[in-house]
Amino acid sequence: MKQPAVYILTNMKNSVLYLGVTSNLPQRIYQHREKLVEGFSARYNLTKLVYFELYDDLENAITREKRMKEWHRQWKVNLIEKSNPNWRDLYPEIL
């Protein structure tokens, strides 16, 4: 599924949020889940995909990610809960 996407990951307690952008969502989430890339998501065990948006154009996805990174945490929580009120792991849905 090579398609630009913005996504939000969290840990099992939903206490930390990570916002990212990618051109291949299944591959990137797999990398996070398997901790194949060192960094913030590996350090805080952010393996649960709770939100994503798909785009036709990578530039639009990058612009959206940059805007969302400026948001307050509660705005991100509201966005997640609008489409995923139980904070389910959406990874199986993107495979």
N, C-alpha and C. Protein backbone atom coordinates (compact mmCIF):
# COMPACT_ATOMS: atom_id res chain seq x y z
N MET A 1 0.84 -1.18 0.00
CA MET A 1 0.00 0.00 0.00
C MET A 1 0.88 1.24 0.00
N LYS A 2 1.43 1.56 -1.11
CA LYS A 2 2.25 2.77 -1.25
C LYS A 2 1.33 3.96 -1.42
N GLN A 3 1.02 4.60 -0.33
CA GLN A 3 0.15 5.77 -0.35
C GLN A 3 0.54 6.66 0.81
N PRO A 4 0.75 7.94 0.59
CA PRO A 4 1.10 8.84 1.69
C PRO A 4 0.05 8.81 2.79
N ALA A 5 0.53 8.92 4.02
CA ALA A 5 -0.37 8.87 5.17
C ALA A 5 0.21 9.65 6.34
N VAL A 6 -0.67 10.18 7.15
CA VAL A 6 -0.35 10.75 8.45
C VAL A 6 -0.91 9.77 9.46
N TYR A 7 -0.18 9.51 10.53
CA TYR A 7 -0.64 8.51 11.49
C TYR A 7 -0.30 8.92 12.92
N ILE A 8 -1.05 8.33 13.85
CA ILE A 8 -0.79 8.54 15.28
C ILE A 8 -0.64 7.18 15.93
N LEU A 9 0.46 7.03 16.66
CA LEU A 9 0.72 5.83 17.45
C LEU A 9 0.63 6.16 18.92
N THR A 10 0.37 5.14 19.72
CA THR A 10 0.41 5.30 21.17
C THR A 10 0.92 4.00 21.77
N ASN A 11 1.07 4.00 23.09
CA ASN A 11 1.46 2.78 23.79
C ASN A 11 0.21 2.09 24.32
N MET A 12 0.37 0.99 25.00
CA MET A 12 -0.78 0.22 25.46
C MET A 12 -1.62 0.98 26.50
N LYS A 13 -1.02 1.92 27.21
CA LYS A 13 -1.77 2.70 28.20
C LYS A 13 -2.33 3.99 27.61
N ASN A 14 -2.08 4.23 26.32
CA ASN A 14 -2.54 5.45 25.64
C ASN A 14 -2.01 6.72 26.29
N SER A 15 -0.84 6.64 26.89
CA SER A 15 -0.33 7.80 27.63
C SER A 15 0.61 8.69 26.82
N VAL A 16 1.17 8.17 25.73
CA VAL A 16 2.09 8.95 24.90
C VAL A 16 1.59 8.87 23.45
N LEU A 17 1.63 10.00 22.76
CA LEU A 17 1.22 10.03 21.35
C LEU A 17 2.42 10.34 20.47
N TYR A 18 2.48 9.70 19.32
CA TYR A 18 3.50 9.95 18.31
C TYR A 18 2.81 10.21 16.99
N LEU A 19 3.15 11.30 16.35
CA LEU A 19 2.56 11.68 15.08
C LEU A 19 3.62 11.57 14.00
N GLY A 20 3.29 10.88 12.91
CA GLY A 20 4.26 10.71 11.84
C GLY A 20 3.62 10.78 10.47
N VAL A 21 4.49 10.79 9.45
CA VAL A 21 4.06 10.79 8.06
C VAL A 21 4.91 9.77 7.32
N THR A 22 4.32 9.12 6.33
CA THR A 22 5.02 8.09 5.59
C THR A 22 4.42 7.95 4.20
N SER A 23 5.16 7.30 3.32
CA SER A 23 4.62 7.00 1.99
C SER A 23 4.15 5.55 1.90
N ASN A 24 4.42 4.76 2.96
CA ASN A 24 4.03 3.36 2.98
C ASN A 24 3.61 2.99 4.41
N LEU A 25 2.35 3.17 4.71
CA LEU A 25 1.85 3.00 6.08
C LEU A 25 2.07 1.60 6.65
N PRO A 26 1.69 0.54 5.97
CA PRO A 26 1.91 -0.79 6.57
C PRO A 26 3.38 -1.06 6.92
N GLN A 27 4.26 -0.70 6.01
CA GLN A 27 5.68 -0.92 6.25
C GLN A 27 6.18 -0.10 7.44
N ARG A 28 5.78 1.16 7.50
CA ARG A 28 6.26 2.04 8.57
C ARG A 28 5.73 1.60 9.93
N ILE A 29 4.48 1.21 10.00
CA ILE A 29 3.92 0.76 11.28
C ILE A 29 4.59 -0.54 11.71
N TYR A 30 4.87 -1.43 10.77
CA TYR A 30 5.61 -2.65 11.08
C TYR A 30 6.98 -2.30 11.69
N GLN A 31 7.66 -1.33 11.12
CA GLN A 31 8.95 -0.90 11.66
C GLN A 31 8.82 -0.40 13.09
N HIS A 32 7.78 0.37 13.36
CA HIS A 32 7.55 0.84 14.73
C HIS A 32 7.26 -0.34 15.66
N ARG A 33 6.40 -1.23 15.25
CA ARG A 33 5.99 -2.36 16.10
C ARG A 33 7.16 -3.27 16.44
N GLU A 34 8.03 -3.47 15.47
CA GLU A 34 9.19 -4.36 15.67
C GLU A 34 10.41 -3.61 16.19
N LYS A 35 10.26 -2.32 16.42
CA LYS A 35 11.34 -1.47 16.92
C LYS A 35 12.60 -1.57 16.05
N LEU A 36 12.39 -1.52 14.74
CA LEU A 36 13.48 -1.63 13.79
C LEU A 36 14.24 -0.31 13.63
N VAL A 37 13.64 0.78 14.09
CA VAL A 37 14.27 2.09 14.03
C VAL A 37 14.37 2.63 15.44
N GLU A 38 15.59 2.96 15.85
CA GLU A 38 15.77 3.54 17.18
C GLU A 38 15.16 4.93 17.23
N GLY A 39 14.72 5.33 18.39
CA GLY A 39 14.19 6.68 18.54
C GLY A 39 13.03 6.73 19.51
N PHE A 40 12.26 7.79 19.38
CA PHE A 40 11.18 8.10 20.31
C PHE A 40 10.16 6.97 20.41
N SER A 41 9.70 6.45 19.27
CA SER A 41 8.65 5.43 19.31
C SER A 41 9.15 4.13 19.94
N ALA A 42 10.39 3.77 19.70
CA ALA A 42 10.95 2.56 20.31
C ALA A 42 11.15 2.77 21.81
N ARG A 43 11.66 3.93 22.18
CA ARG A 43 11.94 4.23 23.59
C ARG A 43 10.67 4.19 24.44
N TYR A 44 9.55 4.68 23.88
CA TYR A 44 8.30 4.74 24.64
C TYR A 44 7.32 3.63 24.27
N ASN A 45 7.80 2.62 23.54
CA ASN A 45 6.99 1.44 23.19
C ASN A 45 5.68 1.83 22.48
N LEU A 46 5.79 2.69 21.49
CA LEU A 46 4.62 3.17 20.75
C LEU A 46 4.38 2.24 19.57
N THR A 47 3.50 1.29 19.77
CA THR A 47 3.28 0.25 18.76
C THR A 47 1.83 0.14 18.32
N LYS A 48 0.94 0.91 18.92
CA LYS A 48 -0.48 0.81 18.61
C LYS A 48 -0.91 1.95 17.69
N LEU A 49 -1.35 1.60 16.48
CA LEU A 49 -1.85 2.57 15.52
C LEU A 49 -3.29 2.90 15.88
N VAL A 50 -3.55 4.16 16.25
CA VAL A 50 -4.90 4.53 16.67
C VAL A 50 -5.58 5.51 15.72
N TYR A 51 -4.81 6.05 14.77
CA TYR A 51 -5.41 7.00 13.82
C TYR A 51 -4.53 7.09 12.59
N PHE A 52 -5.18 7.25 11.43
CA PHE A 52 -4.42 7.53 10.21
C PHE A 52 -5.32 8.23 9.20
N GLU A 53 -4.68 9.00 8.33
CA GLU A 53 -5.34 9.67 7.21
C GLU A 53 -4.53 9.36 5.97
N LEU A 54 -5.19 8.97 4.89
CA LEU A 54 -4.52 8.67 3.64
C LEU A 54 -4.60 9.86 2.70
N TYR A 55 -3.55 10.05 1.90
CA TYR A 55 -3.47 11.17 0.96
C TYR A 55 -3.03 10.68 -0.41
N ASP A 56 -3.35 11.45 -1.43
CA ASP A 56 -2.90 11.15 -2.78
C ASP A 56 -1.52 11.75 -3.05
N ASP A 57 -1.16 12.75 -2.26
CA ASP A 57 0.05 13.51 -2.50
C ASP A 57 0.86 13.60 -1.21
N LEU A 58 2.15 13.25 -1.28
CA LEU A 58 3.01 13.28 -0.10
C LEU A 58 3.16 14.70 0.46
N GLU A 59 3.20 15.69 -0.39
CA GLU A 59 3.32 17.07 0.10
C GLU A 59 2.14 17.46 0.98
N ASN A 60 0.94 17.05 0.59
CA ASN A 60 -0.25 17.34 1.41
C ASN A 60 -0.18 16.62 2.75
N ALA A 61 0.30 15.40 2.75
CA ALA A 61 0.45 14.64 3.99
C ALA A 61 1.47 15.31 4.91
N ILE A 62 2.57 15.75 4.35
CA ILE A 62 3.60 16.42 5.15
C ILE A 62 3.07 17.72 5.73
N THR A 63 2.33 18.48 4.94
CA THR A 63 1.74 19.73 5.43
C THR A 63 0.78 19.46 6.58
N ARG A 64 -0.06 18.43 6.43
CA ARG A 64 -1.01 18.07 7.49
C ARG A 64 -0.28 17.66 8.76
N GLU A 65 0.76 16.85 8.61
CA GLU A 65 1.53 16.41 9.79
C GLU A 65 2.13 17.61 10.52
N LYS A 66 2.71 18.52 9.78
CA LYS A 66 3.32 19.70 10.41
C LYS A 66 2.29 20.52 11.17
N ARG A 67 1.10 20.68 10.60
CA ARG A 67 0.04 21.42 11.29
C ARG A 67 -0.41 20.68 12.54
N MET A 68 -0.60 19.37 12.43
CA MET A 68 -1.06 18.59 13.57
C MET A 68 -0.04 18.56 14.71
N LYS A 69 1.24 18.63 14.36
CA LYS A 69 2.27 18.64 15.41
C LYS A 69 2.20 19.89 16.27
N GLU A 70 1.57 20.93 15.77
CA GLU A 70 1.41 22.17 16.54
C GLU A 70 0.19 22.11 17.46
N TRP A 71 -0.65 21.11 17.28
CA TRP A 71 -1.88 20.99 18.07
C TRP A 71 -1.58 20.65 19.53
N HIS A 72 -2.52 21.04 20.38
CA HIS A 72 -2.50 20.59 21.77
C HIS A 72 -2.84 19.10 21.80
N ARG A 73 -2.38 18.42 22.81
CA ARG A 73 -2.65 16.98 22.95
C ARG A 73 -4.14 16.69 22.89
N GLN A 74 -4.96 17.49 23.57
CA GLN A 74 -6.39 17.22 23.63
C GLN A 74 -7.03 17.26 22.24
N TRP A 75 -6.54 18.11 21.37
CA TRP A 75 -7.08 18.16 20.00
C TRP A 75 -6.81 16.85 19.28
N LYS A 76 -5.62 16.29 19.51
CA LYS A 76 -5.27 15.01 18.89
C LYS A 76 -6.14 13.89 19.48
N VAL A 77 -6.33 13.93 20.79
CA VAL A 77 -7.19 12.94 21.45
C VAL A 77 -8.61 13.02 20.88
N ASN A 78 -9.12 14.22 20.72
CA ASN A 78 -10.46 14.40 20.15
C ASN A 78 -10.55 13.83 18.75
N LEU A 79 -9.52 14.04 17.94
CA LEU A 79 -9.48 13.51 16.58
C LEU A 79 -9.49 11.99 16.60
N ILE A 80 -8.69 11.40 17.46
CA ILE A 80 -8.65 9.93 17.58
C ILE A 80 -10.02 9.41 18.00
N GLU A 81 -10.59 10.00 19.03
CA GLU A 81 -11.84 9.48 19.60
C GLU A 81 -13.03 9.68 18.68
N LYS A 82 -12.95 10.62 17.76
CA LYS A 82 -14.03 10.81 16.80
C LYS A 82 -14.19 9.59 15.89
N SER A 83 -13.09 9.02 15.45
CA SER A 83 -13.16 7.87 14.54
C SER A 83 -12.81 6.54 15.21
N ASN A 84 -12.18 6.59 16.38
CA ASN A 84 -11.74 5.37 17.06
C ASN A 84 -11.95 5.55 18.57
N PRO A 85 -13.20 5.62 19.02
CA PRO A 85 -13.49 5.95 20.41
C PRO A 85 -12.92 4.97 21.44
N ASN A 86 -12.68 3.73 21.05
CA ASN A 86 -12.14 2.74 21.99
C ASN A 86 -10.62 2.58 21.88
N TRP A 87 -10.01 3.42 21.07
CA TRP A 87 -8.56 3.39 20.88
C TRP A 87 -8.08 1.99 20.47
N ARG A 88 -8.83 1.37 19.54
CA ARG A 88 -8.42 0.05 19.03
C ARG A 88 -7.14 0.20 18.21
N ASP A 89 -6.39 -0.89 18.15
CA ASP A 89 -5.22 -0.92 17.28
C ASP A 89 -5.71 -1.14 15.85
N LEU A 90 -5.45 -0.19 14.98
CA LEU A 90 -5.95 -0.23 13.60
C LEU A 90 -4.99 -0.95 12.65
N TYR A 91 -3.89 -1.43 13.14
CA TYR A 91 -2.90 -2.07 12.27
C TYR A 91 -3.49 -3.18 11.41
N PRO A 92 -4.32 -4.09 11.96
CA PRO A 92 -4.90 -5.14 11.09
C PRO A 92 -5.72 -4.59 9.92
N GLU A 93 -6.27 -3.40 10.07
CA GLU A 93 -7.10 -2.81 9.03
C GLU A 93 -6.31 -2.28 7.84
N ILE A 94 -5.02 -2.08 8.00
CA ILE A 94 -4.21 -1.51 6.92
C ILE A 94 -3.43 -2.59 6.17
N LEU A 95 -3.51 -3.82 6.64
CA LEU A 95 -2.75 -4.90 5.98
C LEU A 95 -3.47 -5.42 4.76
